[in-house]
Amino acid sequence: MKTEWKVRAVAIALALGALVIASHAVQAVAETTQPASYTSYSRRVAPGQTLWDICGDLPYGREDLQDVIDRCRVDNDITAPGTLQPGKVLLIRVKK
């Protein structure tokens, strides 16, 4: 009798765990199928500017600045952010 209770408790715990995992998977799929809407900005790099300087001057609202910087790096194929070339025009997308 006691063992049967333990088996049921473990089965319930596993079922709840599976529901949590499934809900996270559904949320992830929803985020990838409904892309966020963005406002795009273009900025020309001035001598001595960093991505932090450039992206920090934009109205990025409630979005984390580091996310804006990371997206800017990817969108503009910047592999070494410390070597930005003055005069280069960057496309910067910020979530609406």
PDB file of N, CA and C in Angstrom:
ATOM      1  N   MET A   1       0.817  -1.192   0.000  1.00  0.00           N
ATOM      2  CA  MET A   1       0.000   0.000   0.000  1.00  0.00           C
ATOM      3  C   MET A   1       0.863   1.260   0.000  1.00  0.00           C
ATOM      4  N   LYS A   2       1.896   1.277   0.851  1.00  0.00           N
ATOM      5  CA  LYS A   2       2.775   2.428   0.938  1.00  0.00           C
ATOM      6  C   LYS A   2       3.576   2.608  -0.363  1.00  0.00           C
ATOM      7  N   THR A   3       4.014   1.512  -0.960  1.00  0.00           N
ATOM      8  CA  THR A   3       4.775   1.569  -2.204  1.00  0.00           C
ATOM      9  C   THR A   3       3.897   2.098  -3.337  1.00  0.00           C
ATOM     10  N   GLU A   4       2.646   1.689  -3.361  1.00  0.00           N
ATOM     11  CA  GLU A   4       1.722   2.151  -4.390  1.00  0.00           C
ATOM     12  C   GLU A   4       1.542   3.670  -4.310  1.00  0.00           C
ATOM     13  N   TRP A   5       1.487   4.215  -3.119  1.00  0.00           N
ATOM     14  CA  TRP A   5       1.352   5.649  -2.919  1.00  0.00           C
ATOM     15  C   TRP A   5       2.582   6.378  -3.463  1.00  0.00           C
ATOM     16  N   LYS A   6       3.773   5.824  -3.213  1.00  0.00           N
ATOM     17  CA  LYS A   6       5.012   6.431  -3.701  1.00  0.00           C
ATOM     18  C   LYS A   6       5.060   6.417  -5.228  1.00  0.00           C
ATOM     19  N   VAL A   7       4.611   5.322  -5.835  1.00  0.00           N
ATOM     20  CA  VAL A   7       4.600   5.216  -7.287  1.00  0.00           C
ATOM     21  C   VAL A   7       3.660   6.265  -7.877  1.00  0.00           C
ATOM     22  N   ARG A   8       2.510   6.440  -7.265  1.00  0.00           N
ATOM     23  CA  ARG A   8       1.559   7.450  -7.747  1.00  0.00           C
ATOM     24  C   ARG A   8       2.129   8.864  -7.590  1.00  0.00           C
ATOM     25  N   ALA A   9       2.788   9.121  -6.484  1.00  0.00           N
ATOM     26  CA  ALA A   9       3.374  10.444  -6.251  1.00  0.00           C
ATOM     27  C   ALA A   9       4.451  10.742  -7.297  1.00  0.00           C
ATOM     28  N   VAL A  10       5.281   9.758  -7.610  1.00  0.00           N
ATOM     29  CA  VAL A  10       6.316   9.934  -8.619  1.00  0.00           C
ATOM     30  C   VAL A  10       5.676  10.160  -9.994  1.00  0.00           C
ATOM     31  N   ALA A  11       4.631   9.415 -10.304  1.00  0.00           N
ATOM     32  CA  ALA A  11       3.944   9.568 -11.589  1.00  0.00           C
ATOM     33  C   ALA A  11       3.335  10.962 -11.715  1.00  0.00           C
ATOM     34  N   ILE A  12       2.761  11.463 -10.645  1.00  0.00           N
ATOM     35  CA  ILE A  12       2.174  12.811 -10.661  1.00  0.00           C
ATOM     36  C   ILE A  12       3.273  13.858 -10.850  1.00  0.00           C
ATOM     37  N   ALA A  13       4.391  13.696 -10.151  1.00  0.00           N
ATOM     38  CA  ALA A  13       5.502  14.643 -10.276  1.00  0.00           C
ATOM     39  C   ALA A  13       6.046  14.651 -11.700  1.00  0.00           C
ATOM     40  N   LEU A  14       6.176  13.478 -12.297  1.00  0.00           N
ATOM     41  CA  LEU A  14       6.657  13.402 -13.679  1.00  0.00           C
ATOM     42  C   LEU A  14       5.677  14.059 -14.646  1.00  0.00           C
ATOM     43  N   ALA A  15       4.392  13.855 -14.424  1.00  0.00           N
ATOM     44  CA  ALA A  15       3.379  14.452 -15.289  1.00  0.00           C
ATOM     45  C   ALA A  15       3.411  15.976 -15.179  1.00  0.00           C
ATOM     46  N   LEU A  16       3.558  16.503 -13.967  1.00  0.00           N
ATOM     47  CA  LEU A  16       3.639  17.953 -13.788  1.00  0.00           C
ATOM     48  C   LEU A  16       4.899  18.517 -14.453  1.00  0.00           C
ATOM     49  N   GLY A  17       6.001  17.803 -14.322  1.00  0.00           N
ATOM     50  CA  GLY A  17       7.241  18.226 -14.975  1.00  0.00           C
ATOM     51  C   GLY A  17       7.085  18.270 -16.487  1.00  0.00           C
ATOM     52  N   ALA A  18       6.412  17.268 -17.038  1.00  0.00           N
ATOM     53  CA  ALA A  18       6.184  17.232 -18.474  1.00  0.00           C
ATOM     54  C   ALA A  18       5.306  18.398 -18.920  1.00  0.00           C
ATOM     55  N   LEU A  19       4.328  18.768 -18.110  1.00  0.00           N
ATOM     56  CA  LEU A  19       3.478  19.916 -18.446  1.00  0.00           C
ATOM     57  C   LEU A  19       4.266  21.218 -18.446  1.00  0.00           C
ATOM     58  N   VAL A  20       5.164  21.368 -17.495  1.00  0.00           N
ATOM     59  CA  VAL A  20       5.984  22.581 -17.438  1.00  0.00           C
ATOM     60  C   VAL A  20       6.874  22.668 -18.675  1.00  0.00           C
ATOM     61  N   ILE A  21       7.501  21.562 -19.028  1.00  0.00           N
ATOM     62  CA  ILE A  21       8.366  21.538 -20.210  1.00  0.00           C
ATOM     63  C   ILE A  21       7.557  21.830 -21.470  1.00  0.00           C
ATOM     64  N   ALA A  22       6.380  21.245 -21.578  1.00  0.00           N
ATOM     65  CA  ALA A  22       5.535  21.465 -22.748  1.00  0.00           C
ATOM     66  C   ALA A  22       5.102  22.928 -22.851  1.00  0.00           C
ATOM     67  N   SER A  23       4.785  23.546 -21.734  1.00  0.00           N
ATOM     68  CA  SER A  23       4.358  24.950 -21.779  1.00  0.00           C
ATOM     69  C   SER A  23       5.500  25.860 -22.220  1.00  0.00           C
ATOM     70  N   HIS A  24       6.729  25.552 -21.788  1.00  0.00           N
ATOM     71  CA  HIS A  24       7.879  26.336 -22.226  1.00  0.00           C
ATOM     72  C   HIS A  24       8.124  26.142 -23.726  1.00  0.00           C
ATOM     73  N   ALA A  25       7.929  24.940 -24.216  1.00  0.00           N
ATOM     74  CA  ALA A  25       8.121  24.669 -25.638  1.00  0.00           C
ATOM     75  C   ALA A  25       7.092  25.434 -26.469  1.00  0.00           C
ATOM     76  N   VAL A  26       5.849  25.476 -26.009  1.00  0.00           N
ATOM     77  CA  VAL A  26       4.803  26.206 -26.722  1.00  0.00           C
ATOM     78  C   VAL A  26       5.140  27.695 -26.760  1.00  0.00           C
ATOM     79  N   GLN A  27       5.638  28.238 -25.645  1.00  0.00           N
ATOM     80  CA  GLN A  27       6.003  29.650 -25.594  1.00  0.00           C
ATOM     81  C   GLN A  27       7.150  29.939 -26.559  1.00  0.00           C
ATOM     82  N   ALA A  28       8.139  29.064 -26.616  1.00  0.00           N
ATOM     83  CA  ALA A  28       9.278  29.263 -27.515  1.00  0.00           C
ATOM     84  C   ALA A  28       8.838  29.237 -28.968  1.00  0.00           C
ATOM     85  N   VAL A  29       7.946  28.327 -29.315  1.00  0.00           N
ATOM     86  CA  VAL A  29       7.443  28.242 -30.686  1.00  0.00           C
ATOM     87  C   VAL A  29       6.652  29.499 -31.024  1.00  0.00           C
ATOM     88  N   ALA A  30       5.848  29.986 -30.100  1.00  0.00           N
ATOM     89  CA  ALA A  30       5.056  31.189 -30.343  1.00  0.00           C
ATOM     90  C   ALA A  30       5.964  32.389 -30.589  1.00  0.00           C
ATOM     91  N   GLU A  31       7.067  32.477 -29.846  1.00  0.00           N
ATOM     92  CA  GLU A  31       7.980  33.601 -30.022  1.00  0.00           C
ATOM     93  C   GLU A  31       8.689  33.544 -31.378  1.00  0.00           C
ATOM     94  N   THR A  32       8.975  32.360 -31.876  1.00  0.00           N
ATOM     95  CA  THR A  32       9.668  32.256 -33.155  1.00  0.00           C
ATOM     96  C   THR A  32       8.716  32.385 -34.334  1.00  0.00           C
ATOM     97  N   THR A  33       7.441  32.037 -34.159  1.00  0.00           N
ATOM     98  CA  THR A  33       6.499  32.143 -35.268  1.00  0.00           C
ATOM     99  C   THR A  33       5.889  33.531 -35.359  1.00  0.00           C
ATOM    100  N   GLN A  34       5.952  34.320 -34.294  1.00  0.00           N
ATOM    101  CA  GLN A  34       5.432  35.672 -34.310  1.00  0.00           C
ATOM    102  C   GLN A  34       6.593  36.624 -34.026  1.00  0.00           C
ATOM    103  N   PRO A  35       7.357  36.980 -35.060  1.00  0.00           N
ATOM    104  CA  PRO A  35       8.530  37.821 -34.833  1.00  0.00           C
ATOM    105  C   PRO A  35       8.135  39.188 -34.288  1.00  0.00           C
ATOM    106  N   ALA A  36       9.021  39.713 -33.464  1.00  0.00           N
ATOM    107  CA  ALA A  36       8.778  41.026 -32.889  1.00  0.00           C
ATOM    108  C   ALA A  36       8.834  42.091 -33.973  1.00  0.00           C
ATOM    109  N   SER A  37       8.112  43.142 -33.759  1.00  0.00           N
ATOM    110  CA  SER A  37       8.104  44.264 -34.671  1.00  0.00           C
ATOM    111  C   SER A  37       9.239  45.209 -34.253  1.00  0.00           C
ATOM    112  N   TYR A  38       9.995  45.708 -35.231  1.00  0.00           N
ATOM    113  CA  TYR A  38      11.166  46.529 -34.945  1.00  0.00           C
ATOM    114  C   TYR A  38      11.076  47.900 -35.581  1.00  0.00           C
ATOM    115  N   THR A  39      11.728  48.852 -34.955  1.00  0.00           N
ATOM    116  CA  THR A  39      11.998  50.148 -35.547  1.00  0.00           C
ATOM    117  C   THR A  39      13.468  50.134 -35.921  1.00  0.00           C
ATOM    118  N   SER A  40      13.787  50.540 -37.138  1.00  0.00           N
ATOM    119  CA  SER A  40      15.176  50.513 -37.609  1.00  0.00           C
ATOM    120  C   SER A  40      15.777  51.911 -37.612  1.00  0.00           C
ATOM    121  N   TYR A  41      17.024  51.972 -37.211  1.00  0.00           N
ATOM    122  CA  TYR A  41      17.787  53.219 -37.213  1.00  0.00           C
ATOM    123  C   TYR A  41      19.091  52.966 -37.954  1.00  0.00           C
ATOM    124  N   SER A  42      19.632  53.998 -38.553  1.00  0.00           N
ATOM    125  CA  SER A  42      20.975  53.882 -39.123  1.00  0.00           C
ATOM    126  C   SER A  42      21.824  54.969 -38.483  1.00  0.00           C
ATOM    127  N   ARG A  43      23.024  54.591 -38.117  1.00  0.00           N
ATOM    128  CA  ARG A  43      23.953  55.522 -37.483  1.00  0.00           C
ATOM    129  C   ARG A  43      25.336  55.346 -38.085  1.00  0.00           C
ATOM    130  N   ARG A  44      26.002  56.474 -38.333  1.00  0.00           N
ATOM    131  CA  ARG A  44      27.369  56.455 -38.855  1.00  0.00           C
ATOM    132  C   ARG A  44      28.322  56.474 -37.655  1.00  0.00           C
ATOM    133  N   VAL A  45      29.314  55.584 -37.680  1.00  0.00           N
ATOM    134  CA  VAL A  45      30.277  55.470 -36.587  1.00  0.00           C
ATOM    135  C   VAL A  45      31.230  56.669 -36.636  1.00  0.00           C
ATOM    136  N   ALA A  46      31.339  57.367 -35.508  1.00  0.00           N
ATOM    137  CA  ALA A  46      32.289  58.476 -35.374  1.00  0.00           C
ATOM    138  C   ALA A  46      33.572  57.931 -34.738  1.00  0.00           C
ATOM    139  N   PRO A  47      34.704  58.603 -34.938  1.00  0.00           N
ATOM    140  CA  PRO A  47      35.956  58.137 -34.331  1.00  0.00           C
ATOM    141  C   PRO A  47      35.822  57.963 -32.813  1.00  0.00           C
ATOM    142  N   GLY A  48      36.277  56.822 -32.331  1.00  0.00           N
ATOM    143  CA  GLY A  48      36.264  56.543 -30.896  1.00  0.00           C
ATOM    144  C   GLY A  48      34.953  56.009 -30.342  1.00  0.00           C
ATOM    145  N   GLN A  49      33.906  55.921 -31.154  1.00  0.00           N
ATOM    146  CA  GLN A  49      32.615  55.430 -30.671  1.00  0.00           C
ATOM    147  C   GLN A  49      32.627  53.916 -30.522  1.00  0.00           C
ATOM    148  N   THR A  50      31.871  53.447 -29.551  1.00  0.00           N
ATOM    149  CA  THR A  50      31.669  52.010 -29.343  1.00  0.00           C
ATOM    150  C   THR A  50      30.214  51.676 -29.656  1.00  0.00           C
ATOM    151  N   LEU A  51      29.925  50.379 -29.787  1.00  0.00           N
ATOM    152  CA  LEU A  51      28.526  49.973 -29.988  1.00  0.00           C
ATOM    153  C   LEU A  51      27.666  50.416 -28.814  1.00  0.00           C
ATOM    154  N   TRP A  52      28.250  50.385 -27.624  1.00  0.00           N
ATOM    155  CA  TRP A  52      27.513  50.804 -26.425  1.00  0.00           C
ATOM    156  C   TRP A  52      27.120  52.276 -26.558  1.00  0.00           C
ATOM    157  N   ASP A  53      28.053  53.120 -27.018  1.00  0.00           N
ATOM    158  CA  ASP A  53      27.761  54.547 -27.210  1.00  0.00           C
ATOM    159  C   ASP A  53      26.653  54.746 -28.235  1.00  0.00           C
ATOM    160  N   ILE A  54      26.797  54.080 -29.360  1.00  0.00           N
ATOM    161  CA  ILE A  54      25.871  54.269 -30.478  1.00  0.00           C
ATOM    162  C   ILE A  54      24.480  53.757 -30.129  1.00  0.00           C
ATOM    163  N   CYS A  55      24.393  52.529 -29.649  1.00  0.00           N
ATOM    164  CA  CYS A  55      23.085  51.937 -29.340  1.00  0.00           C
ATOM    165  C   CYS A  55      22.456  52.577 -28.106  1.00  0.00           C
ATOM    166  N   GLY A  56      23.272  53.038 -27.185  1.00  0.00           N
ATOM    167  CA  GLY A  56      22.757  53.652 -25.963  1.00  0.00           C
ATOM    168  C   GLY A  56      22.068  54.984 -26.197  1.00  0.00           C
ATOM    169  N   ASP A  57      22.370  55.632 -27.319  1.00  0.00           N
ATOM    170  CA  ASP A  57      21.739  56.916 -27.637  1.00  0.00           C
ATOM    171  C   ASP A  57      20.366  56.753 -28.278  1.00  0.00           C
ATOM    172  N   LEU A  58      19.975  55.525 -28.577  1.00  0.00           N
ATOM    173  CA  LEU A  58      18.683  55.273 -29.230  1.00  0.00           C
ATOM    174  C   LEU A  58      17.591  55.074 -28.184  1.00  0.00           C
ATOM    175  N   PRO A  59      16.334  55.307 -28.565  1.00  0.00           N
ATOM    176  CA  PRO A  59      15.228  55.037 -27.642  1.00  0.00           C
ATOM    177  C   PRO A  59      14.900  53.545 -27.631  1.00  0.00           C
ATOM    178  N   TYR A  60      15.590  52.780 -26.789  1.00  0.00           N
ATOM    179  CA  TYR A  60      15.393  51.332 -26.788  1.00  0.00           C
ATOM    180  C   TYR A  60      14.318  50.876 -25.804  1.00  0.00           C
ATOM    181  N   GLY A  61      13.631  51.787 -25.157  1.00  0.00           N
ATOM    182  CA  GLY A  61      12.476  51.483 -24.323  1.00  0.00           C
ATOM    183  C   GLY A  61      12.756  50.479 -23.230  1.00  0.00           C
ATOM    184  N   ARG A  62      11.930  49.461 -23.157  1.00  0.00           N
ATOM    185  CA  ARG A  62      12.046  48.452 -22.101  1.00  0.00           C
ATOM    186  C   ARG A  62      12.977  47.308 -22.483  1.00  0.00           C
ATOM    187  N   GLU A  63      13.476  47.327 -23.695  1.00  0.00           N
ATOM    188  CA  GLU A  63      14.376  46.270 -24.142  1.00  0.00           C
ATOM    189  C   GLU A  63      15.745  46.473 -23.499  1.00  0.00           C
ATOM    190  N   ASP A  64      16.397  45.390 -23.152  1.00  0.00           N
ATOM    191  CA  ASP A  64      17.723  45.461 -22.557  1.00  0.00           C
ATOM    192  C   ASP A  64      18.727  45.982 -23.588  1.00  0.00           C
ATOM    193  N   LEU A  65      19.546  46.931 -23.202  1.00  0.00           N
ATOM    194  CA  LEU A  65      20.525  47.522 -24.118  1.00  0.00           C
ATOM    195  C   LEU A  65      21.472  46.470 -24.671  1.00  0.00           C
ATOM    196  N   GLN A  66      21.848  45.491 -23.860  1.00  0.00           N
ATOM    197  CA  GLN A  66      22.766  44.449 -24.335  1.00  0.00           C
ATOM    198  C   GLN A  66      22.139  43.653 -25.475  1.00  0.00           C
ATOM    199  N   ASP A  67      20.815  43.437 -25.433  1.00  0.00           N
ATOM    200  CA  ASP A  67      20.128  42.738 -26.532  1.00  0.00           C
ATOM    201  C   ASP A  67      20.182  43.564 -27.820  1.00  0.00           C
ATOM    202  N   VAL A  68      20.023  44.876 -27.703  1.00  0.00           N
ATOM    203  CA  VAL A  68      20.096  45.760 -28.872  1.00  0.00           C
ATOM    204  C   VAL A  68      21.505  45.700 -29.467  1.00  0.00           C
ATOM    205  N   ILE A  69      22.521  45.743 -28.605  1.00  0.00           N
ATOM    206  CA  ILE A  69      23.910  45.694 -29.063  1.00  0.00           C
ATOM    207  C   ILE A  69      24.207  44.366 -29.747  1.00  0.00           C
ATOM    208  N   ASP A  70      23.764  43.257 -29.140  1.00  0.00           N
ATOM    209  CA  ASP A  70      24.000  41.936 -29.738  1.00  0.00           C
ATOM    210  C   ASP A  70      23.334  41.822 -31.106  1.00  0.00           C
ATOM    211  N   ARG A  71      22.101  42.321 -31.221  1.00  0.00           N
ATOM    212  CA  ARG A  71      21.391  42.272 -32.506  1.00  0.00           C
ATOM    213  C   ARG A  71      22.121  43.124 -33.534  1.00  0.00           C
ATOM    214  N   CYS A  72      22.624  44.289 -33.118  1.00  0.00           N
ATOM    215  CA  CYS A  72      23.376  45.173 -34.013  1.00  0.00           C
ATOM    216  C   CYS A  72      24.638  44.474 -34.517  1.00  0.00           C
ATOM    217  N   ARG A  73      25.342  43.772 -33.630  1.00  0.00           N
ATOM    218  CA  ARG A  73      26.544  43.040 -34.034  1.00  0.00           C
ATOM    219  C   ARG A  73      26.223  42.004 -35.090  1.00  0.00           C
ATOM    220  N   VAL A  74      25.161  41.243 -34.871  1.00  0.00           N
ATOM    221  CA  VAL A  74      24.775  40.183 -35.806  1.00  0.00           C
ATOM    222  C   VAL A  74      24.309  40.786 -37.132  1.00  0.00           C
ATOM    223  N   ASP A  75      23.430  41.781 -37.059  1.00  0.00           N
ATOM    224  CA  ASP A  75      22.875  42.386 -38.271  1.00  0.00           C
ATOM    225  C   ASP A  75      23.947  43.018 -39.154  1.00  0.00           C
ATOM    226  N   ASN A  76      25.016  43.518 -38.540  1.00  0.00           N
ATOM    227  CA  ASN A  76      26.051  44.234 -39.282  1.00  0.00           C
ATOM    228  C   ASN A  76      27.336  43.428 -39.445  1.00  0.00           C
ATOM    229  N   ASP A  77      27.286  42.130 -39.136  1.00  0.00           N
ATOM    230  CA  ASP A  77      28.442  41.233 -39.265  1.00  0.00           C
ATOM    231  C   ASP A  77      29.689  41.788 -38.567  1.00  0.00           C
ATOM    232  N   ILE A  78      29.502  42.237 -37.337  1.00  0.00           N
ATOM    233  CA  ILE A  78      30.623  42.774 -36.559  1.00  0.00           C
ATOM    234  C   ILE A  78      31.167  41.651 -35.687  1.00  0.00           C
ATOM    235  N   THR A  79      32.369  41.198 -35.999  1.00  0.00           N
ATOM    236  CA  THR A  79      32.973  40.106 -35.227  1.00  0.00           C
ATOM    237  C   THR A  79      33.871  40.620 -34.112  1.00  0.00           C
ATOM    238  N   ALA A  80      34.422  41.820 -34.293  1.00  0.00           N
ATOM    239  CA  ALA A  80      35.292  42.412 -33.279  1.00  0.00           C
ATOM    240  C   ALA A  80      34.783  43.825 -32.979  1.00  0.00           C
ATOM    241  N   PRO A  81      33.868  43.965 -32.003  1.00  0.00           N
ATOM    242  CA  PRO A  81      33.264  45.266 -31.728  1.00  0.00           C
ATOM    243  C   PRO A  81      34.274  46.353 -31.367  1.00  0.00           C
ATOM    244  N   GLY A  82      35.450  45.980 -30.899  1.00  0.00           N
ATOM    245  CA  GLY A  82      36.451  46.967 -30.529  1.00  0.00           C
ATOM    246  C   GLY A  82      37.153  47.593 -31.722  1.00  0.00           C
ATOM    247  N   THR A  83      36.865  47.092 -32.913  1.00  0.00           N
ATOM    248  CA  THR A  83      37.550  47.613 -34.109  1.00  0.00           C
ATOM    249  C   THR A  83      36.562  48.248 -35.095  1.00  0.00           C
ATOM    250  N   LEU A  84      35.597  48.996 -34.574  1.00  0.00           N
ATOM    251  CA  LEU A  84      34.643  49.676 -35.453  1.00  0.00           C
ATOM    252  C   LEU A  84      35.371  50.715 -36.295  1.00  0.00           C
ATOM    253  N   GLN A  85      35.053  50.747 -37.560  1.00  0.00           N
ATOM    254  CA  GLN A  85      35.682  51.693 -38.478  1.00  0.00           C
ATOM    255  C   GLN A  85      34.860  52.986 -38.549  1.00  0.00           C
ATOM    256  N   PRO A  86      35.477  54.132 -38.245  1.00  0.00           N
ATOM    257  CA  PRO A  86      34.761  55.398 -38.390  1.00  0.00           C
ATOM    258  C   PRO A  86      34.236  55.549 -39.821  1.00  0.00           C
ATOM    259  N   GLY A  87      33.014  56.052 -39.928  1.00  0.00           N
ATOM    260  CA  GLY A  87      32.395  56.234 -41.239  1.00  0.00           C
ATOM    261  C   GLY A  87      31.465  55.097 -41.623  1.00  0.00           C
ATOM    262  N   LYS A  88      31.628  53.938 -41.000  1.00  0.00           N
ATOM    263  CA  LYS A  88      30.755  52.801 -41.317  1.00  0.00           C
ATOM    264  C   LYS A  88      29.337  53.127 -40.848  1.00  0.00           C
ATOM    265  N   VAL A  89      28.351  52.796 -41.666  1.00  0.00           N
ATOM    266  CA  VAL A  89      26.954  53.018 -41.305  1.00  0.00           C
ATOM    267  C   VAL A  89      26.383  51.712 -40.764  1.00  0.00           C
ATOM    268  N   LEU A  90      25.807  51.784 -39.579  1.00  0.00           N
ATOM    269  CA  LEU A  90      25.241  50.606 -38.924  1.00  0.00           C
ATOM    270  C   LEU A  90      23.726  50.643 -38.977  1.00  0.00           C
ATOM    271  N   LEU A  91      23.123  49.478 -39.197  1.00  0.00           N
ATOM    272  CA  LEU A  91      21.680  49.299 -39.083  1.00  0.00           C
ATOM    273  C   LEU A  91      21.420  48.788 -37.676  1.00  0.00           C
ATOM    274  N   ILE A  92      20.528  49.459 -36.959  1.00  0.00           N
ATOM    275  CA  ILE A  92      20.226  49.069 -35.584  1.00  0.00           C
ATOM    276  C   ILE A  92      18.717  48.893 -35.475  1.00  0.00           C
ATOM    277  N   ARG A  93      18.305  47.688 -35.084  1.00  0.00           N
ATOM    278  CA  ARG A  93      16.877  47.395 -34.925  1.00  0.00           C
ATOM    279  C   ARG A  93      16.534  47.341 -33.443  1.00  0.00           C
ATOM    280  N   VAL A  94      15.449  48.035 -33.073  1.00  0.00           N
ATOM    281  CA  VAL A  94      14.982  48.089 -31.691  1.00  0.00           C
ATOM    282  C   VAL A  94      13.533  47.630 -31.665  1.00  0.00           C
ATOM    283  N   LYS A  95      13.214  46.754 -30.721  1.00  0.00           N
ATOM    284  CA  LYS A  95      11.818  46.277 -30.623  1.00  0.00           C
ATOM    285  C   LYS A  95      10.885  47.426 -30.289  1.00  0.00           C
ATOM    286  N   LYS A  96       9.719  47.398 -30.951  1.00  0.00           N
ATOM    287  CA  LYS A  96       8.691  48.429 -30.695  1.00  0.00           C
ATOM    288  C   LYS A  96       8.012  48.168 -29.378  1.00  0.00           C
TER     289      LYS A  96
END
